[in-house]
Amino acid sequence: MQYTYKTKGTCSSAIRFEIDEEGKLKNVAFTGGCNGNLKAIGKLVEGKDAKTIAETLRGNTCGPRSTSCADQLANAIDQALGA
């Protein structure tokens, strides 16, 4: 299933992604933000277990901010999975 999550507190404004029937992340794409770094995140998490990725990325911050694009991806996954 495909999801779109509007981010809060980051340079990116949205995250689009899919979670397949096995719980694996697919086609993670950020709108805005640090293009190269966010493309890299998408490649690194492709095909990985969504719950594990959320656990790994949750709480990651960016500079003085209390969140980051990676943390927002964890929030998006949690919302998608109803956690």
PDB file of N, CA and C in Angstrom:
ATOM      1  N   MET A   1       0.840  -1.168   0.000  1.00  0.00           N
ATOM      2  CA  MET A   1       0.000   0.000   0.000  1.00  0.00           C
ATOM      3  C   MET A   1       0.891   1.239   0.000  1.00  0.00           C
ATOM      4  N   GLN A   2       0.449   2.290  -0.701  1.00  0.00           N
ATOM      5  CA  GLN A   2       1.222   3.526  -0.804  1.00  0.00           C
ATOM      6  C   GLN A   2       0.746   4.534   0.237  1.00  0.00           C
ATOM      7  N   TYR A   3       1.706   5.257   0.823  1.00  0.00           N
ATOM      8  CA  TYR A   3       1.422   6.255   1.854  1.00  0.00           C
ATOM      9  C   TYR A   3       2.102   7.565   1.515  1.00  0.00           C
ATOM     10  N   THR A   4       1.504   8.667   1.960  1.00  0.00           N
ATOM     11  CA  THR A   4       2.128   9.983   1.895  1.00  0.00           C
ATOM     12  C   THR A   4       2.012  10.589   3.279  1.00  0.00           C
ATOM     13  N   TYR A   5       3.131  11.070   3.791  1.00  0.00           N
ATOM     14  CA  TYR A   5       3.190  11.648   5.128  1.00  0.00           C
ATOM     15  C   TYR A   5       3.725  13.067   5.022  1.00  0.00           C
ATOM     16  N   LYS A   6       3.003  14.027   5.570  1.00  0.00           N
ATOM     17  CA  LYS A   6       3.455  15.418   5.594  1.00  0.00           C
ATOM     18  C   LYS A   6       4.362  15.593   6.813  1.00  0.00           C
ATOM     19  N   THR A   7       5.598  15.948   6.550  1.00  0.00           N
ATOM     20  CA  THR A   7       6.588  16.064   7.618  1.00  0.00           C
ATOM     21  C   THR A   7       6.385  17.336   8.436  1.00  0.00           C
ATOM     22  N   LYS A   8       6.961  17.332   9.631  1.00  0.00           N
ATOM     23  CA  LYS A   8       6.893  18.481  10.534  1.00  0.00           C
ATOM     24  C   LYS A   8       8.290  18.762  11.071  1.00  0.00           C
ATOM     25  N   GLY A   9       8.734  20.015  10.968  1.00  0.00           N
ATOM     26  CA  GLY A   9      10.007  20.413  11.546  1.00  0.00           C
ATOM     27  C   GLY A   9      11.236  20.068  10.736  1.00  0.00           C
ATOM     28  N   THR A  10      11.066  19.759   9.448  1.00  0.00           N
ATOM     29  CA  THR A  10      12.201  19.410   8.595  1.00  0.00           C
ATOM     30  C   THR A  10      12.177  20.211   7.300  1.00  0.00           C
ATOM     31  N   CYS A  11      13.283  20.186   6.590  1.00  0.00           N
ATOM     32  CA  CYS A  11      13.358  20.854   5.286  1.00  0.00           C
ATOM     33  C   CYS A  11      12.492  20.150   4.245  1.00  0.00           C
ATOM     34  N   SER A  12      12.391  18.837   4.348  1.00  0.00           N
ATOM     35  CA  SER A  12      11.498  18.119   3.428  1.00  0.00           C
ATOM     36  C   SER A  12      10.058  18.373   3.863  1.00  0.00           C
ATOM     37  N   SER A  13       9.155  18.349   2.903  1.00  0.00           N
ATOM     38  CA  SER A  13       7.754  18.643   3.215  1.00  0.00           C
ATOM     39  C   SER A  13       6.865  17.403   3.215  1.00  0.00           C
ATOM     40  N   ALA A  14       7.337  16.326   2.615  1.00  0.00           N
ATOM     41  CA  ALA A  14       6.526  15.107   2.556  1.00  0.00           C
ATOM     42  C   ALA A  14       7.411  13.901   2.266  1.00  0.00           C
ATOM     43  N   ILE A  15       6.882  12.736   2.638  1.00  0.00           N
ATOM     44  CA  ILE A  15       7.542  11.468   2.337  1.00  0.00           C
ATOM     45  C   ILE A  15       6.507  10.551   1.709  1.00  0.00           C
ATOM     46  N   ARG A  16       6.847   9.964   0.563  1.00  0.00           N
ATOM     47  CA  ARG A  16       5.994   8.965  -0.080  1.00  0.00           C
ATOM     48  C   ARG A  16       6.707   7.627   0.006  1.00  0.00           C
ATOM     49  N   PHE A  17       5.956   6.583   0.294  1.00  0.00           N
ATOM     50  CA  PHE A  17       6.562   5.259   0.402  1.00  0.00           C
ATOM     51  C   PHE A  17       5.481   4.197   0.313  1.00  0.00           C
ATOM     52  N   GLU A  18       5.916   2.968   0.128  1.00  0.00           N
ATOM     53  CA  GLU A  18       5.018   1.828   0.117  1.00  0.00           C
ATOM     54  C   GLU A  18       5.499   0.825   1.154  1.00  0.00           C
ATOM     55  N   ILE A  19       4.562   0.072   1.701  1.00  0.00           N
ATOM     56  CA  ILE A  19       4.875  -1.072   2.544  1.00  0.00           C
ATOM     57  C   ILE A  19       4.179  -2.259   1.898  1.00  0.00           C
ATOM     58  N   ASP A  20       4.978  -3.249   1.498  1.00  0.00           N
ATOM     59  CA  ASP A  20       4.384  -4.389   0.804  1.00  0.00           C
ATOM     60  C   ASP A  20       3.733  -5.360   1.791  1.00  0.00           C
ATOM     61  N   GLU A  21       3.171  -6.427   1.260  1.00  0.00           N
ATOM     62  CA  GLU A  21       2.429  -7.395   2.073  1.00  0.00           C
ATOM     63  C   GLU A  21       3.307  -8.122   3.089  1.00  0.00           C
ATOM     64  N   GLU A  22       4.625  -8.073   2.884  1.00  0.00           N
ATOM     65  CA  GLU A  22       5.560  -8.697   3.820  1.00  0.00           C
ATOM     66  C   GLU A  22       6.110  -7.709   4.848  1.00  0.00           C
ATOM     67  N   GLY A  23       5.621  -6.448   4.795  1.00  0.00           N
ATOM     68  CA  GLY A  23       6.087  -5.436   5.734  1.00  0.00           C
ATOM     69  C   GLY A  23       7.391  -4.768   5.347  1.00  0.00           C
ATOM     70  N   LYS A  24       7.752  -4.874   4.060  1.00  0.00           N
ATOM     71  CA  LYS A  24       9.001  -4.294   3.566  1.00  0.00           C
ATOM     72  C   LYS A  24       8.751  -2.930   2.933  1.00  0.00           C
ATOM     73  N   LEU A  25       9.705  -2.005   3.130  1.00  0.00           N
ATOM     74  CA  LEU A  25       9.611  -0.664   2.546  1.00  0.00           C
ATOM     75  C   LEU A  25       9.985  -0.693   1.071  1.00  0.00           C
ATOM     76  N   LYS A  26       9.274   0.092   0.299  1.00  0.00           N
ATOM     77  CA  LYS A  26       9.524   0.204  -1.137  1.00  0.00           C
ATOM     78  C   LYS A  26       9.342   1.656  -1.562  1.00  0.00           C
ATOM     79  N   ASN A  27      10.108   2.077  -2.539  1.00  0.00           N
ATOM     80  CA  ASN A  27       9.934   3.365  -3.217  1.00  0.00           C
ATOM     81  C   ASN A  27       9.830   4.551  -2.267  1.00  0.00           C
ATOM     82  N   VAL A  28      10.746   4.639  -1.307  1.00  0.00           N
ATOM     83  CA  VAL A  28      10.758   5.767  -0.371  1.00  0.00           C
ATOM     84  C   VAL A  28      11.289   6.995  -1.106  1.00  0.00           C
ATOM     85  N   ALA A  29      10.522   8.091  -1.079  1.00  0.00           N
ATOM     86  CA  ALA A  29      10.919   9.326  -1.755  1.00  0.00           C
ATOM     87  C   ALA A  29      10.498  10.524  -0.905  1.00  0.00           C
ATOM     88  N   PHE A  30      11.431  11.440  -0.727  1.00  0.00           N
ATOM     89  CA  PHE A  30      11.185  12.660   0.035  1.00  0.00           C
ATOM     90  C   PHE A  30      10.940  13.812  -0.929  1.00  0.00           C
ATOM     91  N   THR A  31      10.075  14.749  -0.544  1.00  0.00           N
ATOM     92  CA  THR A  31       9.853  15.977  -1.301  1.00  0.00           C
ATOM     93  C   THR A  31      10.605  17.086  -0.590  1.00  0.00           C
ATOM     94  N   GLY A  32      11.538  17.725  -1.290  1.00  0.00           N
ATOM     95  CA  GLY A  32      12.354  18.776  -0.683  1.00  0.00           C
ATOM     96  C   GLY A  32      13.453  18.175   0.170  1.00  0.00           C
ATOM     97  N   GLY A  33      14.134  19.039   0.920  1.00  0.00           N
ATOM     98  CA  GLY A  33      15.200  18.572   1.797  1.00  0.00           C
ATOM     99  C   GLY A  33      16.513  18.401   1.070  1.00  0.00           C
ATOM    100  N   CYS A  34      17.455  17.748   1.711  1.00  0.00           N
ATOM    101  CA  CYS A  34      18.800  17.520   1.178  1.00  0.00           C
ATOM    102  C   CYS A  34      18.747  16.366   0.176  1.00  0.00           C
ATOM    103  N   ASN A  35      18.647  16.695  -1.072  1.00  0.00           N
ATOM    104  CA  ASN A  35      18.369  15.733  -2.134  1.00  0.00           C
ATOM    105  C   ASN A  35      19.252  14.493  -2.090  1.00  0.00           C
ATOM    106  N   GLY A  36      20.565  14.669  -2.057  1.00  0.00           N
ATOM    107  CA  GLY A  36      21.475  13.517  -2.088  1.00  0.00           C
ATOM    108  C   GLY A  36      21.321  12.626  -0.866  1.00  0.00           C
ATOM    109  N   ASN A  37      21.277  13.231   0.314  1.00  0.00           N
ATOM    110  CA  ASN A  37      21.145  12.450   1.543  1.00  0.00           C
ATOM    111  C   ASN A  37      19.822  11.698   1.586  1.00  0.00           C
ATOM    112  N   LEU A  38      18.754  12.336   1.146  1.00  0.00           N
ATOM    113  CA  LEU A  38      17.442  11.694   1.218  1.00  0.00           C
ATOM    114  C   LEU A  38      17.291  10.602   0.170  1.00  0.00           C
ATOM    115  N   LYS A  39      17.930  10.765  -0.974  1.00  0.00           N
ATOM    116  CA  LYS A  39      17.954   9.667  -1.948  1.00  0.00           C
ATOM    117  C   LYS A  39      18.701   8.476  -1.353  1.00  0.00           C
ATOM    118  N   ALA A  40      19.784   8.766  -0.627  1.00  0.00           N
ATOM    119  CA  ALA A  40      20.577   7.701  -0.007  1.00  0.00           C
ATOM    120  C   ALA A  40      19.750   6.956   1.038  1.00  0.00           C
ATOM    121  N   ILE A  41      18.993   7.685   1.854  1.00  0.00           N
ATOM    122  CA  ILE A  41      18.130   7.023   2.836  1.00  0.00           C
ATOM    123  C   ILE A  41      17.177   6.075   2.125  1.00  0.00           C
ATOM    124  N   GLY A  42      16.552   6.551   1.050  1.00  0.00           N
ATOM    125  CA  GLY A  42      15.637   5.709   0.287  1.00  0.00           C
ATOM    126  C   GLY A  42      16.291   4.427  -0.205  1.00  0.00           C
ATOM    127  N   LYS A  43      17.520   4.543  -0.688  1.00  0.00           N
ATOM    128  CA  LYS A  43      18.239   3.359  -1.175  1.00  0.00           C
ATOM    129  C   LYS A  43      18.604   2.422  -0.028  1.00  0.00           C
ATOM    130  N   LEU A  44      19.007   2.989   1.093  1.00  0.00           N
ATOM    131  CA  LEU A  44      19.425   2.165   2.236  1.00  0.00           C
ATOM    132  C   LEU A  44      18.279   1.385   2.865  1.00  0.00           C
ATOM    133  N   VAL A  45      17.070   1.941   2.825  1.00  0.00           N
ATOM    134  CA  VAL A  45      15.936   1.268   3.475  1.00  0.00           C
ATOM    135  C   VAL A  45      15.127   0.402   2.512  1.00  0.00           C
ATOM    136  N   GLU A  46      15.386   0.499   1.228  1.00  0.00           N
ATOM    137  CA  GLU A  46      14.635  -0.256   0.217  1.00  0.00           C
ATOM    138  C   GLU A  46      14.674  -1.756   0.509  1.00  0.00           C
ATOM    139  N   GLY A  47      13.490  -2.348   0.605  1.00  0.00           N
ATOM    140  CA  GLY A  47      13.376  -3.786   0.805  1.00  0.00           C
ATOM    141  C   GLY A  47      13.585  -4.244   2.238  1.00  0.00           C
ATOM    142  N   LYS A  48      13.809  -3.307   3.151  1.00  0.00           N
ATOM    143  CA  LYS A  48      14.047  -3.646   4.553  1.00  0.00           C
ATOM    144  C   LYS A  48      12.723  -3.662   5.330  1.00  0.00           C
ATOM    145  N   ASP A  49      12.713  -4.359   6.451  1.00  0.00           N
ATOM    146  CA  ASP A  49      11.531  -4.447   7.296  1.00  0.00           C
ATOM    147  C   ASP A  49      11.169  -3.067   7.846  1.00  0.00           C
ATOM    148  N   ALA A  50       9.936  -2.640   7.618  1.00  0.00           N
ATOM    149  CA  ALA A  50       9.490  -1.299   7.997  1.00  0.00           C
ATOM    150  C   ALA A  50       9.603  -1.069   9.501  1.00  0.00           C
ATOM    151  N   LYS A  51       9.198  -2.028  10.314  1.00  0.00           N
ATOM    152  CA  LYS A  51       9.259  -1.865  11.773  1.00  0.00           C
ATOM    153  C   LYS A  51      10.698  -1.688  12.243  1.00  0.00           C
ATOM    154  N   THR A  52      11.603  -2.474  11.700  1.00  0.00           N
ATOM    155  CA  THR A  52      13.013  -2.382  12.074  1.00  0.00           C
ATOM    156  C   THR A  52      13.588  -1.028  11.687  1.00  0.00           C
ATOM    157  N   ILE A  53      13.250  -0.547  10.512  1.00  0.00           N
ATOM    158  CA  ILE A  53      13.742   0.758  10.063  1.00  0.00           C
ATOM    159  C   ILE A  53      13.204   1.851  10.976  1.00  0.00           C
ATOM    160  N   ALA A  54      11.930   1.802  11.339  1.00  0.00           N
ATOM    161  CA  ALA A  54      11.354   2.811  12.231  1.00  0.00           C
ATOM    162  C   ALA A  54      12.079   2.809  13.573  1.00  0.00           C
ATOM    163  N   GLU A  55      12.352   1.640  14.113  1.00  0.00           N
ATOM    164  CA  GLU A  55      13.070   1.535  15.395  1.00  0.00           C
ATOM    165  C   GLU A  55      14.473   2.123  15.285  1.00  0.00           C
ATOM    166  N   THR A  56      15.130   1.880  14.176  1.00  0.00           N
ATOM    167  CA  THR A  56      16.493   2.353  13.973  1.00  0.00           C
ATOM    168  C   THR A  56      16.557   3.869  13.822  1.00  0.00           C
ATOM    169  N   LEU A  57      15.627   4.449  13.079  1.00  0.00           N
ATOM    170  CA  LEU A  57      15.681   5.878  12.758  1.00  0.00           C
ATOM    171  C   LEU A  57      15.002   6.778  13.791  1.00  0.00           C
ATOM    172  N   ARG A  58      14.131   6.227  14.598  1.00  0.00           N
ATOM    173  CA  ARG A  58      13.372   7.019  15.567  1.00  0.00           C
ATOM    174  C   ARG A  58      14.315   7.760  16.519  1.00  0.00           C
ATOM    175  N   GLY A  59      14.067   9.064  16.693  1.00  0.00           N
ATOM    176  CA  GLY A  59      14.838   9.872  17.625  1.00  0.00           C
ATOM    177  C   GLY A  59      16.062  10.544  17.029  1.00  0.00           C
ATOM    178  N   ASN A  60      16.373  10.268  15.765  1.00  0.00           N
ATOM    179  CA  ASN A  60      17.497  10.917  15.107  1.00  0.00           C
ATOM    180  C   ASN A  60      17.182  12.406  14.926  1.00  0.00           C
ATOM    181  N   THR A  61      18.130  13.277  15.266  1.00  0.00           N
ATOM    182  CA  THR A  61      17.891  14.719  15.142  1.00  0.00           C
ATOM    183  C   THR A  61      18.789  15.324  14.069  1.00  0.00           C
ATOM    184  N   CYS A  62      18.472  16.549  13.694  1.00  0.00           N
ATOM    185  CA  CYS A  62      19.236  17.287  12.683  1.00  0.00           C
ATOM    186  C   CYS A  62      19.631  18.635  13.286  1.00  0.00           C
ATOM    187  N   GLY A  63      20.910  18.797  13.597  1.00  0.00           N
ATOM    188  CA  GLY A  63      21.379  20.045  14.206  1.00  0.00           C
ATOM    189  C   GLY A  63      20.608  20.341  15.481  1.00  0.00           C
ATOM    190  N   PRO A  64      20.144  21.576  15.632  1.00  0.00           N
ATOM    191  CA  PRO A  64      19.416  21.952  16.850  1.00  0.00           C
ATOM    192  C   PRO A  64      17.945  21.502  16.858  1.00  0.00           C
ATOM    193  N   ARG A  65      17.482  20.941  15.762  1.00  0.00           N
ATOM    194  CA  ARG A  65      16.078  20.521  15.670  1.00  0.00           C
ATOM    195  C   ARG A  65      15.836  19.276  16.513  1.00  0.00           C
ATOM    196  N   SER A  66      14.604  19.112  16.950  1.00  0.00           N
ATOM    197  CA  SER A  66      14.257  17.944  17.762  1.00  0.00           C
ATOM    198  C   SER A  66      13.861  16.747  16.903  1.00  0.00           C
ATOM    199  N   THR A  67      13.959  16.890  15.591  1.00  0.00           N
ATOM    200  CA  THR A  67      13.605  15.829  14.655  1.00  0.00           C
ATOM    201  C   THR A  67      14.548  15.884  13.456  1.00  0.00           C
ATOM    202  N   SER A  68      14.343  15.020  12.503  1.00  0.00           N
ATOM    203  CA  SER A  68      15.111  14.992  11.260  1.00  0.00           C
ATOM    204  C   SER A  68      14.254  14.304  10.207  1.00  0.00           C
ATOM    205  N   CYS A  69      14.718  14.303   8.987  1.00  0.00           N
ATOM    206  CA  CYS A  69      13.980  13.594   7.941  1.00  0.00           C
ATOM    207  C   CYS A  69      13.917  12.097   8.243  1.00  0.00           C
ATOM    208  N   ALA A  70      15.001  11.541   8.794  1.00  0.00           N
ATOM    209  CA  ALA A  70      14.999  10.123   9.159  1.00  0.00           C
ATOM    210  C   ALA A  70      13.990   9.858  10.276  1.00  0.00           C
ATOM    211  N   ASP A  71      13.956  10.724  11.280  1.00  0.00           N
ATOM    212  CA  ASP A  71      12.992  10.596  12.378  1.00  0.00           C
ATOM    213  C   ASP A  71      11.568  10.729  11.847  1.00  0.00           C
ATOM    214  N   GLN A  72      11.360  11.622  10.906  1.00  0.00           N
ATOM    215  CA  GLN A  72      10.038  11.784  10.311  1.00  0.00           C
ATOM    216  C   GLN A  72       9.635  10.538   9.522  1.00  0.00           C
ATOM    217  N   LEU A  73      10.596   9.875   8.883  1.00  0.00           N
ATOM    218  CA  LEU A  73      10.285   8.614   8.210  1.00  0.00           C
ATOM    219  C   LEU A  73       9.836   7.577   9.237  1.00  0.00           C
ATOM    220  N   ALA A  74      10.501   7.536  10.387  1.00  0.00           N
ATOM    221  CA  ALA A  74      10.077   6.611  11.448  1.00  0.00           C
ATOM    222  C   ALA A  74       8.645   6.922  11.876  1.00  0.00           C
ATOM    223  N   ASN A  75       8.324   8.201  12.051  1.00  0.00           N
ATOM    224  CA  ASN A  75       6.962   8.608  12.418  1.00  0.00           C
ATOM    225  C   ASN A  75       5.963   8.195  11.333  1.00  0.00           C
ATOM    226  N   ALA A  76       6.359   8.380  10.077  1.00  0.00           N
ATOM    227  CA  ALA A  76       5.480   8.014   8.964  1.00  0.00           C
ATOM    228  C   ALA A  76       5.198   6.524   8.936  1.00  0.00           C
ATOM    229  N   ILE A  77       6.232   5.725   9.165  1.00  0.00           N
ATOM    230  CA  ILE A  77       6.064   4.265   9.200  1.00  0.00           C
ATOM    231  C   ILE A  77       5.148   3.874  10.359  1.00  0.00           C
ATOM    232  N   ASP A  78       5.403   4.460  11.542  1.00  0.00           N
ATOM    233  CA  ASP A  78       4.549   4.172  12.702  1.00  0.00           C
ATOM    234  C   ASP A  78       3.092   4.471  12.388  1.00  0.00           C
ATOM    235  N   GLN A  79       2.839   5.616  11.770  1.00  0.00           N
ATOM    236  CA  GLN A  79       1.462   5.982  11.422  1.00  0.00           C
ATOM    237  C   GLN A  79       0.872   4.999  10.434  1.00  0.00           C
ATOM    238  N   ALA A  80       1.640   4.629   9.432  1.00  0.00           N
ATOM    239  CA  ALA A  80       1.155   3.694   8.413  1.00  0.00           C
ATOM    240  C   ALA A  80       0.818   2.318   9.013  1.00  0.00           C
ATOM    241  N   LEU A  81       1.629   1.913   9.988  1.00  0.00           N
ATOM    242  CA  LEU A  81       1.421   0.601  10.604  1.00  0.00           C
ATOM    243  C   LEU A  81       0.449   0.653  11.771  1.00  0.00           C
ATOM    244  N   GLY A  82      -0.016   1.849  12.101  1.00  0.00           N
ATOM    245  CA  GLY A  82      -0.964   1.987  13.192  1.00  0.00           C
ATOM    246  C   GLY A  82      -0.328   1.786  14.559  1.00  0.00           C
ATOM    247  N   ALA A  83       0.973   2.057  14.630  1.00  0.00           N
ATOM    248  CA  ALA A  83       1.698   1.865  15.918  1.00  0.00           C
ATOM    249  C   ALA A  83       1.452   3.003  16.876  1.00  0.00           C
TER     250      ALA A  83
END
